[in-house]
Amino acid sequence: MRKVMSAAAAFATAATAMVVMSGAAQAAPAGDDTVYGCKSGNVCIWPRGVEPFNNPHPTVQYSSYGYHNLSNQYGDHWVLNNQYGDATASLCYNYGGTNCYETLFQDDWTYENLTPVNSITLNRP
């Protein structure tokens, strides 16, 4: 009888753990949406002169905090800060995330000439 009770307790514990884990897996941070191909938590750039609404394929997606140097980004581009938790992004004239001139708040878009922009920073809230 002891073995049966022990097995039943083990099964109940495992079943509870599965329910808790599946509930946690379904929980998503606020704003967990892909926007025109830009994954939640990312800052995205679309091809030059292309509207995201007509072409949901950003050419660049940045997902880690810190600076990201740009290359081959000339002319006007749509840029989206699709991060969550009030994280911001900055457009910077210099490489290495310095001499920043514009801050994009969560869910902000800009249509920007990226020719003079040499880096983008993803900033922790």
PDB file of N, CA and C in Angstrom:
ATOM      1  N   MET A   1       0.828  -1.193   0.000  1.00  0.00           N
ATOM      2  CA  MET A   1       0.000   0.000   0.000  1.00  0.00           C
ATOM      3  C   MET A   1       0.874   1.261   0.000  1.00  0.00           C
ATOM      4  N   ARG A   2       1.996   1.182   0.692  1.00  0.00           N
ATOM      5  CA  ARG A   2       2.902   2.304   0.749  1.00  0.00           C
ATOM      6  C   ARG A   2       3.417   2.661  -0.645  1.00  0.00           C
ATOM      7  N   LYS A   3       3.773   1.638  -1.436  1.00  0.00           N
ATOM      8  CA  LYS A   3       4.280   1.866  -2.783  1.00  0.00           C
ATOM      9  C   LYS A   3       3.216   2.504  -3.667  1.00  0.00           C
ATOM     10  N   VAL A   4       1.976   2.086  -3.510  1.00  0.00           N
ATOM     11  CA  VAL A   4       0.884   2.654  -4.298  1.00  0.00           C
ATOM     12  C   VAL A   4       0.703   4.123  -3.951  1.00  0.00           C
ATOM     13  N   MET A   5       0.717   4.461  -2.667  1.00  0.00           N
ATOM     14  CA  MET A   5       0.557   5.850  -2.233  1.00  0.00           C
ATOM     15  C   MET A   5       1.741   6.695  -2.703  1.00  0.00           C
ATOM     16  N   SER A   6       2.945   6.129  -2.613  1.00  0.00           N
ATOM     17  CA  SER A   6       4.142   6.845  -3.051  1.00  0.00           C
ATOM     18  C   SER A   6       4.090   7.112  -4.549  1.00  0.00           C
ATOM     19  N   ALA A   7       3.660   6.122  -5.329  1.00  0.00           N
ATOM     20  CA  ALA A   7       3.539   6.280  -6.774  1.00  0.00           C
ATOM     21  C   ALA A   7       2.463   7.310  -7.113  1.00  0.00           C
ATOM     22  N   ALA A   8       1.351   7.274  -6.381  1.00  0.00           N
ATOM     23  CA  ALA A   8       0.270   8.233  -6.619  1.00  0.00           C
ATOM     24  C   ALA A   8       0.740   9.653  -6.313  1.00  0.00           C
ATOM     25  N   ALA A   9       1.493   9.804  -5.233  1.00  0.00           N
ATOM     26  CA  ALA A   9       2.014  11.128  -4.872  1.00  0.00           C
ATOM     27  C   ALA A   9       2.993  11.616  -5.940  1.00  0.00           C
ATOM     28  N   ALA A  10       3.850  10.749  -6.422  1.00  0.00           N
ATOM     29  CA  ALA A  10       4.808  11.118  -7.466  1.00  0.00           C
ATOM     30  C   ALA A  10       4.077  11.530  -8.742  1.00  0.00           C
ATOM     31  N   PHE A  11       3.030  10.790  -9.103  1.00  0.00           N
ATOM     32  CA  PHE A  11       2.254  11.121 -10.291  1.00  0.00           C
ATOM     33  C   PHE A  11       1.581  12.483 -10.136  1.00  0.00           C
ATOM     34  N   ALA A  12       0.992  12.736  -8.967  1.00  0.00           N
ATOM     35  CA  ALA A  12       0.313  14.010  -8.723  1.00  0.00           C
ATOM     36  C   ALA A  12       1.309  15.163  -8.788  1.00  0.00           C
ATOM     37  N   THR A  13       2.497  14.977  -8.246  1.00  0.00           N
ATOM     38  CA  THR A  13       3.523  16.021  -8.287  1.00  0.00           C
ATOM     39  C   THR A  13       3.954  16.288  -9.729  1.00  0.00           C
ATOM     40  N   ALA A  14       4.157  15.220 -10.493  1.00  0.00           N
ATOM     41  CA  ALA A  14       4.557  15.376 -11.890  1.00  0.00           C
ATOM     42  C   ALA A  14       3.459  16.053 -12.706  1.00  0.00           C
ATOM     43  N   ALA A  15       2.211  15.693 -12.468  1.00  0.00           N
ATOM     44  CA  ALA A  15       1.090  16.297 -13.194  1.00  0.00           C
ATOM     45  C   ALA A  15       0.981  17.778 -12.863  1.00  0.00           C
ATOM     46  N   THR A  16       1.155  18.124 -11.591  1.00  0.00           N
ATOM     47  CA  THR A  16       1.104  19.531 -11.180  1.00  0.00           C
ATOM     48  C   THR A  16       2.237  20.311 -11.851  1.00  0.00           C
ATOM     49  N   ALA A  17       3.424  19.723 -11.880  1.00  0.00           N
ATOM     50  CA  ALA A  17       4.563  20.385 -12.516  1.00  0.00           C
ATOM     51  C   ALA A  17       4.294  20.617 -13.998  1.00  0.00           C
ATOM     52  N   MET A  18       3.681  19.656 -14.667  1.00  0.00           N
ATOM     53  CA  MET A  18       3.379  19.812 -16.091  1.00  0.00           C
ATOM     54  C   MET A  18       2.383  20.945 -16.321  1.00  0.00           C
ATOM     55  N   VAL A  19       1.382  21.053 -15.465  1.00  0.00           N
ATOM     56  CA  VAL A  19       0.389  22.121 -15.601  1.00  0.00           C
ATOM     57  C   VAL A  19       1.045  23.473 -15.378  1.00  0.00           C
ATOM     58  N   VAL A  20       1.900  23.563 -14.347  1.00  0.00           N
ATOM     59  CA  VAL A  20       2.576  24.821 -14.056  1.00  0.00           C
ATOM     60  C   VAL A  20       3.500  25.198 -15.210  1.00  0.00           C
ATOM     61  N   MET A  21       4.259  24.238 -15.728  1.00  0.00           N
ATOM     62  CA  MET A  21       5.180  24.527 -16.823  1.00  0.00           C
ATOM     63  C   MET A  21       4.444  24.925 -18.086  1.00  0.00           C
ATOM     64  N   SER A  22       3.340  24.269 -18.390  1.00  0.00           N
ATOM     65  CA  SER A  22       2.620  24.628 -19.608  1.00  0.00           C
ATOM     66  C   SER A  22       1.988  25.997 -19.469  1.00  0.00           C
ATOM     67  N   GLY A  23       1.552  26.368 -18.283  1.00  0.00           N
ATOM     68  CA  GLY A  23       1.013  27.708 -18.063  1.00  0.00           C
ATOM     69  C   GLY A  23       2.075  28.768 -18.230  1.00  0.00           C
ATOM     70  N   ALA A  24       3.276  28.491 -17.721  1.00  0.00           N
ATOM     71  CA  ALA A  24       4.366  29.445 -17.841  1.00  0.00           C
ATOM     72  C   ALA A  24       4.805  29.592 -19.290  1.00  0.00           C
ATOM     73  N   ALA A  25       4.775  28.519 -20.022  1.00  0.00           N
ATOM     74  CA  ALA A  25       5.202  28.577 -21.419  1.00  0.00           C
ATOM     75  C   ALA A  25       4.251  29.426 -22.246  1.00  0.00           C
ATOM     76  N   GLN A  26       3.017  29.504 -21.858  1.00  0.00           N
ATOM     77  CA  GLN A  26       2.046  30.286 -22.615  1.00  0.00           C
ATOM     78  C   GLN A  26       2.071  31.761 -22.224  1.00  0.00           C
ATOM     79  N   ALA A  27       2.619  32.053 -21.049  1.00  0.00           N
ATOM     80  CA  ALA A  27       2.674  33.451 -20.615  1.00  0.00           C
ATOM     81  C   ALA A  27       3.671  34.180 -21.502  1.00  0.00           C
ATOM     82  N   ALA A  28       3.308  35.362 -21.971  1.00  0.00           N
ATOM     83  CA  ALA A  28       4.180  36.137 -22.844  1.00  0.00           C
ATOM     84  C   ALA A  28       4.292  37.552 -22.310  1.00  0.00           C
ATOM     85  N   PRO A  29       5.425  38.209 -22.527  1.00  0.00           N
ATOM     86  CA  PRO A  29       5.546  39.586 -22.079  1.00  0.00           C
ATOM     87  C   PRO A  29       4.575  40.481 -22.844  1.00  0.00           C
ATOM     88  N   ALA A  30       4.234  41.584 -22.217  1.00  0.00           N
ATOM     89  CA  ALA A  30       3.345  42.537 -22.884  1.00  0.00           C
ATOM     90  C   ALA A  30       3.977  42.963 -24.199  1.00  0.00           C
ATOM     91  N   GLY A  31       3.185  43.075 -25.224  1.00  0.00           N
ATOM     92  CA  GLY A  31       3.691  43.494 -26.519  1.00  0.00           C
ATOM     93  C   GLY A  31       4.391  42.376 -27.274  1.00  0.00           C
ATOM     94  N   ASP A  32       4.085  41.131 -26.948  1.00  0.00           N
ATOM     95  CA  ASP A  32       4.744  40.008 -27.607  1.00  0.00           C
ATOM     96  C   ASP A  32       4.094  39.762 -28.963  1.00  0.00           C
ATOM     97  N   ASP A  33       4.347  40.660 -29.888  1.00  0.00           N
ATOM     98  CA  ASP A  33       3.750  40.576 -31.212  1.00  0.00           C
ATOM     99  C   ASP A  33       4.817  40.803 -32.267  1.00  0.00           C
ATOM    100  N   THR A  34       4.668  40.100 -33.377  1.00  0.00           N
ATOM    101  CA  THR A  34       5.478  40.383 -34.544  1.00  0.00           C
ATOM    102  C   THR A  34       4.749  41.462 -35.329  1.00  0.00           C
ATOM    103  N   VAL A  35       5.460  42.514 -35.690  1.00  0.00           N
ATOM    104  CA  VAL A  35       4.872  43.642 -36.405  1.00  0.00           C
ATOM    105  C   VAL A  35       5.529  43.726 -37.776  1.00  0.00           C
ATOM    106  N   TYR A  36       4.768  43.420 -38.818  1.00  0.00           N
ATOM    107  CA  TYR A  36       5.270  43.464 -40.188  1.00  0.00           C
ATOM    108  C   TYR A  36       6.603  42.732 -40.318  1.00  0.00           C
ATOM    109  N   GLY A  37       6.709  41.579 -39.668  1.00  0.00           N
ATOM    110  CA  GLY A  37       7.903  40.755 -39.747  1.00  0.00           C
ATOM    111  C   GLY A  37       8.954  41.046 -38.697  1.00  0.00           C
ATOM    112  N   CYS A  38       8.772  42.090 -37.917  1.00  0.00           N
ATOM    113  CA  CYS A  38       9.724  42.454 -36.862  1.00  0.00           C
ATOM    114  C   CYS A  38       9.327  41.738 -35.575  1.00  0.00           C
ATOM    115  N   LYS A  39      10.189  40.846 -35.106  1.00  0.00           N
ATOM    116  CA  LYS A  39       9.876  40.052 -33.923  1.00  0.00           C
ATOM    117  C   LYS A  39       9.831  40.917 -32.672  1.00  0.00           C
ATOM    118  N   SER A  40       8.986  40.523 -31.736  1.00  0.00           N
ATOM    119  CA  SER A  40       8.883  41.214 -30.462  1.00  0.00           C
ATOM    120  C   SER A  40      10.241  41.210 -29.773  1.00  0.00           C
ATOM    121  N   GLY A  41      10.621  42.348 -29.242  1.00  0.00           N
ATOM    122  CA  GLY A  41      11.895  42.489 -28.552  1.00  0.00           C
ATOM    123  C   GLY A  41      13.006  43.015 -29.447  1.00  0.00           C
ATOM    124  N   ASN A  42      12.722  43.190 -30.730  1.00  0.00           N
ATOM    125  CA  ASN A  42      13.748  43.614 -31.683  1.00  0.00           C
ATOM    126  C   ASN A  42      13.575  45.058 -32.124  1.00  0.00           C
ATOM    127  N   VAL A  43      14.652  45.606 -32.673  1.00  0.00           N
ATOM    128  CA  VAL A  43      14.616  46.853 -33.423  1.00  0.00           C
ATOM    129  C   VAL A  43      14.904  46.460 -34.865  1.00  0.00           C
ATOM    130  N   CYS A  44      14.058  46.906 -35.784  1.00  0.00           N
ATOM    131  CA  CYS A  44      14.129  46.433 -37.169  1.00  0.00           C
ATOM    132  C   CYS A  44      14.283  47.577 -38.160  1.00  0.00           C
ATOM    133  N   ILE A  45      14.951  47.253 -39.278  1.00  0.00           N
ATOM    134  CA  ILE A  45      15.109  48.174 -40.398  1.00  0.00           C
ATOM    135  C   ILE A  45      14.603  47.467 -41.648  1.00  0.00           C
ATOM    136  N   TRP A  46      13.763  48.174 -42.414  1.00  0.00           N
ATOM    137  CA  TRP A  46      13.257  47.634 -43.681  1.00  0.00           C
ATOM    138  C   TRP A  46      14.132  48.133 -44.828  1.00  0.00           C
ATOM    139  N   PRO A  47      14.051  47.492 -45.986  1.00  0.00           N
ATOM    140  CA  PRO A  47      14.858  47.923 -47.136  1.00  0.00           C
ATOM    141  C   PRO A  47      14.561  49.370 -47.510  1.00  0.00           C
ATOM    142  N   ARG A  48      15.520  50.003 -48.150  1.00  0.00           N
ATOM    143  CA  ARG A  48      15.398  51.407 -48.544  1.00  0.00           C
ATOM    144  C   ARG A  48      14.176  51.619 -49.415  1.00  0.00           C
ATOM    145  N   GLY A  49      13.358  52.601 -49.024  1.00  0.00           N
ATOM    146  CA  GLY A  49      12.206  52.989 -49.811  1.00  0.00           C
ATOM    147  C   GLY A  49      11.033  52.021 -49.778  1.00  0.00           C
ATOM    148  N   VAL A  50      11.110  50.974 -48.977  1.00  0.00           N
ATOM    149  CA  VAL A  50      10.047  49.958 -48.918  1.00  0.00           C
ATOM    150  C   VAL A  50       9.175  50.205 -47.682  1.00  0.00           C
ATOM    151  N   GLU A  51       7.866  50.184 -47.877  1.00  0.00           N
ATOM    152  CA  GLU A  51       6.955  50.339 -46.752  1.00  0.00           C
ATOM    153  C   GLU A  51       6.714  48.986 -46.090  1.00  0.00           C
ATOM    154  N   PRO A  52       6.881  48.905 -44.768  1.00  0.00           N
ATOM    155  CA  PRO A  52       6.698  47.637 -44.049  1.00  0.00           C
ATOM    156  C   PRO A  52       5.322  47.018 -44.249  1.00  0.00           C
ATOM    157  N   PHE A  53       4.303  47.870 -44.446  1.00  0.00           N
ATOM    158  CA  PHE A  53       2.933  47.387 -44.588  1.00  0.00           C
ATOM    159  C   PHE A  53       2.782  46.567 -45.869  1.00  0.00           C
ATOM    160  N   ASN A  54       3.584  46.895 -46.890  1.00  0.00           N
ATOM    161  CA  ASN A  54       3.525  46.189 -48.165  1.00  0.00           C
ATOM    162  C   ASN A  54       4.555  45.072 -48.288  1.00  0.00           C
ATOM    163  N   ASN A  55       5.580  45.099 -47.436  1.00  0.00           N
ATOM    164  CA  ASN A  55       6.658  44.108 -47.497  1.00  0.00           C
ATOM    165  C   ASN A  55       7.099  43.760 -46.074  1.00  0.00           C
ATOM    166  N   PRO A  56       6.455  42.780 -45.451  1.00  0.00           N
ATOM    167  CA  PRO A  56       6.749  42.472 -44.044  1.00  0.00           C
ATOM    168  C   PRO A  56       8.033  41.665 -43.859  1.00  0.00           C
ATOM    169  N   HIS A  57       9.127  42.166 -44.455  1.00  0.00           N
ATOM    170  CA  HIS A  57      10.406  41.459 -44.362  1.00  0.00           C
ATOM    171  C   HIS A  57      11.526  42.456 -44.065  1.00  0.00           C
ATOM    172  N   PRO A  58      11.730  42.783 -42.786  1.00  0.00           N
ATOM    173  CA  PRO A  58      12.843  43.684 -42.475  1.00  0.00           C
ATOM    174  C   PRO A  58      14.165  43.055 -42.901  1.00  0.00           C
ATOM    175  N   THR A  59      15.099  43.884 -43.333  1.00  0.00           N
ATOM    176  CA  THR A  59      16.402  43.370 -43.747  1.00  0.00           C
ATOM    177  C   THR A  59      17.324  43.164 -42.554  1.00  0.00           C
ATOM    178  N   VAL A  60      17.079  43.904 -41.478  1.00  0.00           N
ATOM    179  CA  VAL A  60      17.923  43.808 -40.285  1.00  0.00           C
ATOM    180  C   VAL A  60      17.025  43.773 -39.054  1.00  0.00           C
ATOM    181  N   GLN A  61      17.361  42.866 -38.104  1.00  0.00           N
ATOM    182  CA  GLN A  61      16.688  42.829 -36.808  1.00  0.00           C
ATOM    183  C   GLN A  61      17.757  42.717 -35.726  1.00  0.00           C
ATOM    184  N   TYR A  62      17.740  43.661 -34.785  1.00  0.00           N
ATOM    185  CA  TYR A  62      18.673  43.637 -33.660  1.00  0.00           C
ATOM    186  C   TYR A  62      17.912  43.230 -32.410  1.00  0.00           C
ATOM    187  N   SER A  63      18.503  42.329 -31.631  1.00  0.00           N
ATOM    188  CA  SER A  63      17.776  41.820 -30.470  1.00  0.00           C
ATOM    189  C   SER A  63      18.530  41.932 -29.156  1.00  0.00           C
ATOM    190  N   SER A  64      19.789  42.355 -29.174  1.00  0.00           N
ATOM    191  CA  SER A  64      20.545  42.426 -27.923  1.00  0.00           C
ATOM    192  C   SER A  64      20.826  43.877 -27.552  1.00  0.00           C
ATOM    193  N   TYR A  65      20.840  44.148 -26.254  1.00  0.00           N
ATOM    194  CA  TYR A  65      21.141  45.491 -25.768  1.00  0.00           C
ATOM    195  C   TYR A  65      22.569  45.874 -26.144  1.00  0.00           C
ATOM    196  N   GLY A  66      22.776  47.169 -26.280  1.00  0.00           N
ATOM    197  CA  GLY A  66      24.099  47.688 -26.634  1.00  0.00           C
ATOM    198  C   GLY A  66      24.053  48.298 -28.021  1.00  0.00           C
ATOM    199  N   TYR A  67      25.248  48.587 -28.547  1.00  0.00           N
ATOM    200  CA  TYR A  67      25.295  49.226 -29.862  1.00  0.00           C
ATOM    201  C   TYR A  67      25.472  48.196 -30.970  1.00  0.00           C
ATOM    202  N   HIS A  68      24.965  48.574 -32.137  1.00  0.00           N
ATOM    203  CA  HIS A  68      25.082  47.756 -33.339  1.00  0.00           C
ATOM    204  C   HIS A  68      25.503  48.692 -34.470  1.00  0.00           C
ATOM    205  N   ASN A  69      26.689  48.460 -35.011  1.00  0.00           N
ATOM    206  CA  ASN A  69      27.160  49.274 -36.125  1.00  0.00           C
ATOM    207  C   ASN A  69      26.414  48.887 -37.396  1.00  0.00           C
ATOM    208  N   LEU A  70      26.039  49.885 -38.165  1.00  0.00           N
ATOM    209  CA  LEU A  70      25.324  49.651 -39.417  1.00  0.00           C
ATOM    210  C   LEU A  70      26.315  49.507 -40.563  1.00  0.00           C
ATOM    211  N   SER A  71      25.902  48.758 -41.566  1.00  0.00           N
ATOM    212  CA  SER A  71      26.682  48.730 -42.799  1.00  0.00           C
ATOM    213  C   SER A  71      25.716  48.633 -43.974  1.00  0.00           C
ATOM    214  N   ASN A  72      26.052  49.333 -45.034  1.00  0.00           N
ATOM    215  CA  ASN A  72      25.253  49.343 -46.268  1.00  0.00           C
ATOM    216  C   ASN A  72      23.802  49.769 -46.045  1.00  0.00           C
ATOM    217  N   GLN A  73      23.593  50.744 -45.188  1.00  0.00           N
ATOM    218  CA  GLN A  73      22.259  51.300 -44.964  1.00  0.00           C
ATOM    219  C   GLN A  73      22.290  52.758 -45.418  1.00  0.00           C
ATOM    220  N   TYR A  74      21.848  52.999 -46.648  1.00  0.00           N
ATOM    221  CA  TYR A  74      21.869  54.338 -47.228  1.00  0.00           C
ATOM    222  C   TYR A  74      20.456  54.746 -47.604  1.00  0.00           C
ATOM    223  N   GLY A  75      20.210  56.038 -47.551  1.00  0.00           N
ATOM    224  CA  GLY A  75      18.909  56.558 -47.941  1.00  0.00           C
ATOM    225  C   GLY A  75      17.850  56.353 -46.869  1.00  0.00           C
ATOM    226  N   ASP A  76      16.590  56.512 -47.287  1.00  0.00           N
ATOM    227  CA  ASP A  76      15.457  56.490 -46.359  1.00  0.00           C
ATOM    228  C   ASP A  76      14.987  55.065 -46.071  1.00  0.00           C
ATOM    229  N   HIS A  77      14.827  54.771 -44.797  1.00  0.00           N
ATOM    230  CA  HIS A  77      14.382  53.458 -44.333  1.00  0.00           C
ATOM    231  C   HIS A  77      13.369  53.629 -43.203  1.00  0.00           C
ATOM    232  N   TRP A  78      12.460  52.681 -43.093  1.00  0.00           N
ATOM    233  CA  TRP A  78      11.593  52.597 -41.918  1.00  0.00           C
ATOM    234  C   TRP A  78      12.351  51.850 -40.822  1.00  0.00           C
ATOM    235  N   VAL A  79      12.281  52.395 -39.599  1.00  0.00           N
ATOM    236  CA  VAL A  79      12.905  51.772 -38.426  1.00  0.00           C
ATOM    237  C   VAL A  79      11.834  51.671 -37.352  1.00  0.00           C
ATOM    238  N   LEU A  80      11.745  50.510 -36.704  1.00  0.00           N
ATOM    239  CA  LEU A  80      10.754  50.270 -35.649  1.00  0.00           C
ATOM    240  C   LEU A  80      11.456  49.779 -34.391  1.00  0.00           C
ATOM    241  N   ASN A  81      11.091  50.381 -33.254  1.00  0.00           N
ATOM    242  CA  ASN A  81      11.515  49.851 -31.962  1.00  0.00           C
ATOM    243  C   ASN A  81      10.388  48.962 -31.454  1.00  0.00           C
ATOM    244  N   ASN A  82      10.506  47.662 -31.682  1.00  0.00           N
ATOM    245  CA  ASN A  82       9.482  46.702 -31.255  1.00  0.00           C
ATOM    246  C   ASN A  82       9.902  45.979 -29.970  1.00  0.00           C
ATOM    247  N   GLN A  83      10.712  46.662 -29.150  1.00  0.00           N
ATOM    248  CA  GLN A  83      11.095  46.108 -27.858  1.00  0.00           C
ATOM    249  C   GLN A  83       9.926  46.271 -26.890  1.00  0.00           C
ATOM    250  N   TYR A  84      10.025  45.624 -25.749  1.00  0.00           N
ATOM    251  CA  TYR A  84       8.990  45.749 -24.725  1.00  0.00           C
ATOM    252  C   TYR A  84       9.636  46.136 -23.405  1.00  0.00           C
ATOM    253  N   GLY A  85       8.811  46.394 -22.401  1.00  0.00           N
ATOM    254  CA  GLY A  85       9.325  46.787 -21.092  1.00  0.00           C
ATOM    255  C   GLY A  85       9.898  48.186 -21.069  1.00  0.00           C
ATOM    256  N   ASP A  86       9.430  49.043 -21.958  1.00  0.00           N
ATOM    257  CA  ASP A  86       9.867  50.438 -22.054  1.00  0.00           C
ATOM    258  C   ASP A  86      11.323  50.610 -22.476  1.00  0.00           C
ATOM    259  N   ALA A  87      11.911  49.605 -23.131  1.00  0.00           N
ATOM    260  CA  ALA A  87      13.270  49.737 -23.659  1.00  0.00           C
ATOM    261  C   ALA A  87      13.253  50.719 -24.828  1.00  0.00           C
ATOM    262  N   THR A  88      14.316  51.502 -24.970  1.00  0.00           N
ATOM    263  CA  THR A  88      14.416  52.481 -26.045  1.00  0.00           C
ATOM    264  C   THR A  88      15.509  52.064 -27.030  1.00  0.00           C
ATOM    265  N   ALA A  89      15.524  52.753 -28.155  1.00  0.00           N
ATOM    266  CA  ALA A  89      16.582  52.588 -29.147  1.00  0.00           C
ATOM    267  C   ALA A  89      17.029  53.984 -29.564  1.00  0.00           C
ATOM    268  N   SER A  90      18.301  54.116 -29.882  1.00  0.00           N
ATOM    269  CA  SER A  90      18.831  55.414 -30.307  1.00  0.00           C
ATOM    270  C   SER A  90      19.539  55.285 -31.643  1.00  0.00           C
ATOM    271  N   LEU A  91      19.361  56.304 -32.495  1.00  0.00           N
ATOM    272  CA  LEU A  91      20.082  56.394 -33.755  1.00  0.00           C
ATOM    273  C   LEU A  91      21.293  57.290 -33.512  1.00  0.00           C
ATOM    274  N   CYS A  92      22.471  56.841 -33.973  1.00  0.00           N
ATOM    275  CA  CYS A  92      23.717  57.535 -33.646  1.00  0.00           C
ATOM    276  C   CYS A  92      24.539  57.820 -34.899  1.00  0.00           C
ATOM    277  N   TYR A  93      25.152  58.997 -34.937  1.00  0.00           N
ATOM    278  CA  TYR A  93      25.975  59.377 -36.073  1.00  0.00           C
ATOM    279  C   TYR A  93      27.287  58.589 -36.120  1.00  0.00           C
ATOM    280  N   ASN A  94      27.841  58.268 -34.963  1.00  0.00           N
ATOM    281  CA  ASN A  94      29.147  57.609 -34.920  1.00  0.00           C
ATOM    282  C   ASN A  94      29.007  56.106 -34.704  1.00  0.00           C
ATOM    283  N   TYR A  95      30.047  55.384 -35.079  1.00  0.00           N
ATOM    284  CA  TYR A  95      30.127  53.962 -34.752  1.00  0.00           C
ATOM    285  C   TYR A  95      30.269  53.816 -33.245  1.00  0.00           C
ATOM    286  N   GLY A  96      29.915  52.665 -32.740  1.00  0.00           N
ATOM    287  CA  GLY A  96      30.072  52.397 -31.310  1.00  0.00           C
ATOM    288  C   GLY A  96      28.979  52.995 -30.444  1.00  0.00           C
ATOM    289  N   GLY A  97      27.908  53.464 -31.048  1.00  0.00           N
ATOM    290  CA  GLY A  97      26.788  53.983 -30.270  1.00  0.00           C
ATOM    291  C   GLY A  97      27.051  55.327 -29.616  1.00  0.00           C
ATOM    292  N   THR A  98      27.823  56.189 -30.280  1.00  0.00           N
ATOM    293  CA  THR A  98      28.093  57.521 -29.730  1.00  0.00           C
ATOM    294  C   THR A  98      27.528  58.590 -30.657  1.00  0.00           C
ATOM    295  N   ASN A  99      27.388  59.784 -30.094  1.00  0.00           N
ATOM    296  CA  ASN A  99      26.831  60.938 -30.799  1.00  0.00           C
ATOM    297  C   ASN A  99      25.420  60.623 -31.306  1.00  0.00           C
ATOM    298  N   CYS A 100      24.591  60.127 -30.389  1.00  0.00           N
ATOM    299  CA  CYS A 100      23.208  59.758 -30.727  1.00  0.00           C
ATOM    300  C   CYS A 100      22.343  61.004 -30.798  1.00  0.00           C
ATOM    301  N   TYR A 101      21.400  61.002 -31.713  1.00  0.00           N
ATOM    302  CA  TYR A 101      20.584  62.203 -31.920  1.00  0.00           C
ATOM    303  C   TYR A 101      19.087  61.960 -31.831  1.00  0.00           C
ATOM    304  N   GLU A 102      18.643  60.723 -31.923  1.00  0.00           N
ATOM    305  CA  GLU A 102      17.201  60.466 -31.856  1.00  0.00           C
ATOM    306  C   GLU A 102      16.939  59.214 -31.028  1.00  0.00           C
ATOM    307  N   THR A 103      15.937  59.310 -30.144  1.00  0.00           N
ATOM    308  CA  THR A 103      15.545  58.167 -29.316  1.00  0.00           C
ATOM    309  C   THR A 103      14.177  57.676 -29.746  1.00  0.00           C
ATOM    310  N   LEU A 104      14.072  56.381 -29.958  1.00  0.00           N
ATOM    311  CA  LEU A 104      12.787  55.756 -30.275  1.00  0.00           C
ATOM    312  C   LEU A 104      12.308  55.032 -29.031  1.00  0.00           C
ATOM    313  N   PHE A 105      11.133  55.394 -28.578  1.00  0.00           N
ATOM    314  CA  PHE A 105      10.539  54.725 -27.434  1.00  0.00           C
ATOM    315  C   PHE A 105       9.832  53.456 -27.902  1.00  0.00           C
ATOM    316  N   GLN A 106       9.388  52.656 -26.955  1.00  0.00           N
ATOM    317  CA  GLN A 106       8.700  51.408 -27.286  1.00  0.00           C
ATOM    318  C   GLN A 106       7.590  51.662 -28.297  1.00  0.00           C
ATOM    319  N   ASP A 107       7.537  50.858 -29.352  1.00  0.00           N
ATOM    320  CA  ASP A 107       6.533  50.915 -30.425  1.00  0.00           C
ATOM    321  C   ASP A 107       6.662  52.133 -31.332  1.00  0.00           C
ATOM    322  N   ASP A 108       7.746  52.907 -31.228  1.00  0.00           N
ATOM    323  CA  ASP A 108       7.950  54.067 -32.101  1.00  0.00           C
ATOM    324  C   ASP A 108       8.495  53.643 -33.462  1.00  0.00           C
ATOM    325  N   TRP A 109       8.008  54.337 -34.491  1.00  0.00           N
ATOM    326  CA  TRP A 109       8.487  54.199 -35.863  1.00  0.00           C
ATOM    327  C   TRP A 109       9.174  55.497 -36.266  1.00  0.00           C
ATOM    328  N   THR A 110      10.119  55.407 -37.182  1.00  0.00           N
ATOM    329  CA  THR A 110      10.655  56.598 -37.827  1.00  0.00           C
ATOM    330  C   THR A 110      11.007  56.249 -39.269  1.00  0.00           C
ATOM    331  N   TYR A 111      10.841  57.220 -40.148  1.00  0.00           N
ATOM    332  CA  TYR A 111      11.278  57.073 -41.539  1.00  0.00           C
ATOM    333  C   TYR A 111      12.488  57.974 -41.648  1.00  0.00           C
ATOM    334  N   GLU A 112      13.657  57.375 -41.744  1.00  0.00           N
ATOM    335  CA  GLU A 112      14.895  58.091 -41.499  1.00  0.00           C
ATOM    336  C   GLU A 112      15.906  57.875 -42.622  1.00  0.00           C
ATOM    337  N   ASN A 113      16.626  58.958 -42.958  1.00  0.00           N
ATOM    338  CA  ASN A 113      17.759  58.834 -43.864  1.00  0.00           C
ATOM    339  C   ASN A 113      18.914  58.237 -43.059  1.00  0.00           C
ATOM    340  N   LEU A 114      19.269  56.998 -43.358  1.00  0.00           N
ATOM    341  CA  LEU A 114      20.304  56.314 -42.584  1.00  0.00           C
ATOM    342  C   LEU A 114      21.712  56.536 -43.132  1.00  0.00           C
ATOM    343  N   THR A 115      21.862  57.345 -44.182  1.00  0.00           N
ATOM    344  CA  THR A 115      23.191  57.578 -44.743  1.00  0.00           C
ATOM    345  C   THR A 115      24.157  58.126 -43.684  1.00  0.00           C
ATOM    346  N   PRO A 116      23.760  59.130 -42.882  1.00  0.00           N
ATOM    347  CA  PRO A 116      24.702  59.620 -41.869  1.00  0.00           C
ATOM    348  C   PRO A 116      24.686  58.802 -40.560  1.00  0.00           C
ATOM    349  N   VAL A 117      23.817  57.816 -40.467  1.00  0.00           N
ATOM    350  CA  VAL A 117      23.699  57.025 -39.232  1.00  0.00           C
ATOM    351  C   VAL A 117      24.661  55.843 -39.328  1.00  0.00           C
ATOM    352  N   ASN A 118      25.499  55.693 -38.304  1.00  0.00           N
ATOM    353  CA  ASN A 118      26.482  54.612 -38.326  1.00  0.00           C
ATOM    354  C   ASN A 118      26.256  53.550 -37.257  1.00  0.00           C
ATOM    355  N   SER A 119      25.337  53.807 -36.328  1.00  0.00           N
ATOM    356  CA  SER A 119      25.034  52.771 -35.326  1.00  0.00           C
ATOM    357  C   SER A 119      23.673  53.018 -34.702  1.00  0.00           C
ATOM    358  N   ILE A 120      23.137  51.940 -34.127  1.00  0.00           N
ATOM    359  CA  ILE A 120      21.884  51.979 -33.385  1.00  0.00           C
ATOM    360  C   ILE A 120      22.170  51.325 -32.036  1.00  0.00           C
ATOM    361  N   THR A 121      21.629  51.914 -30.983  1.00  0.00           N
ATOM    362  CA  THR A 121      21.777  51.303 -29.666  1.00  0.00           C
ATOM    363  C   THR A 121      20.419  50.813 -29.187  1.00  0.00           C
ATOM    364  N   LEU A 122      20.411  49.660 -28.546  1.00  0.00           N
ATOM    365  CA  LEU A 122      19.224  49.143 -27.861  1.00  0.00           C
ATOM    366  C   LEU A 122      19.502  49.331 -26.369  1.00  0.00           C
ATOM    367  N   ASN A 123      18.639  50.118 -25.726  1.00  0.00           N
ATOM    368  CA  ASN A 123      18.887  50.569 -24.359  1.00  0.00           C
ATOM    369  C   ASN A 123      17.953  49.912 -23.370  1.00  0.00           C
ATOM    370  N   ARG A 124      18.528  49.416 -22.282  1.00  0.00           N
ATOM    371  CA  ARG A 124      17.715  48.837 -21.208  1.00  0.00           C
ATOM    372  C   ARG A 124      16.824  49.887 -20.587  1.00  0.00           C
ATOM    373  N   PRO A 125      15.646  49.489 -20.131  1.00  0.00           N
ATOM    374  CA  PRO A 125      14.771  50.469 -19.482  1.00  0.00           C
ATOM    375  C   PRO A 125      15.335  50.925 -18.147  1.00  0.00           C
TER     376      PRO A 125
END
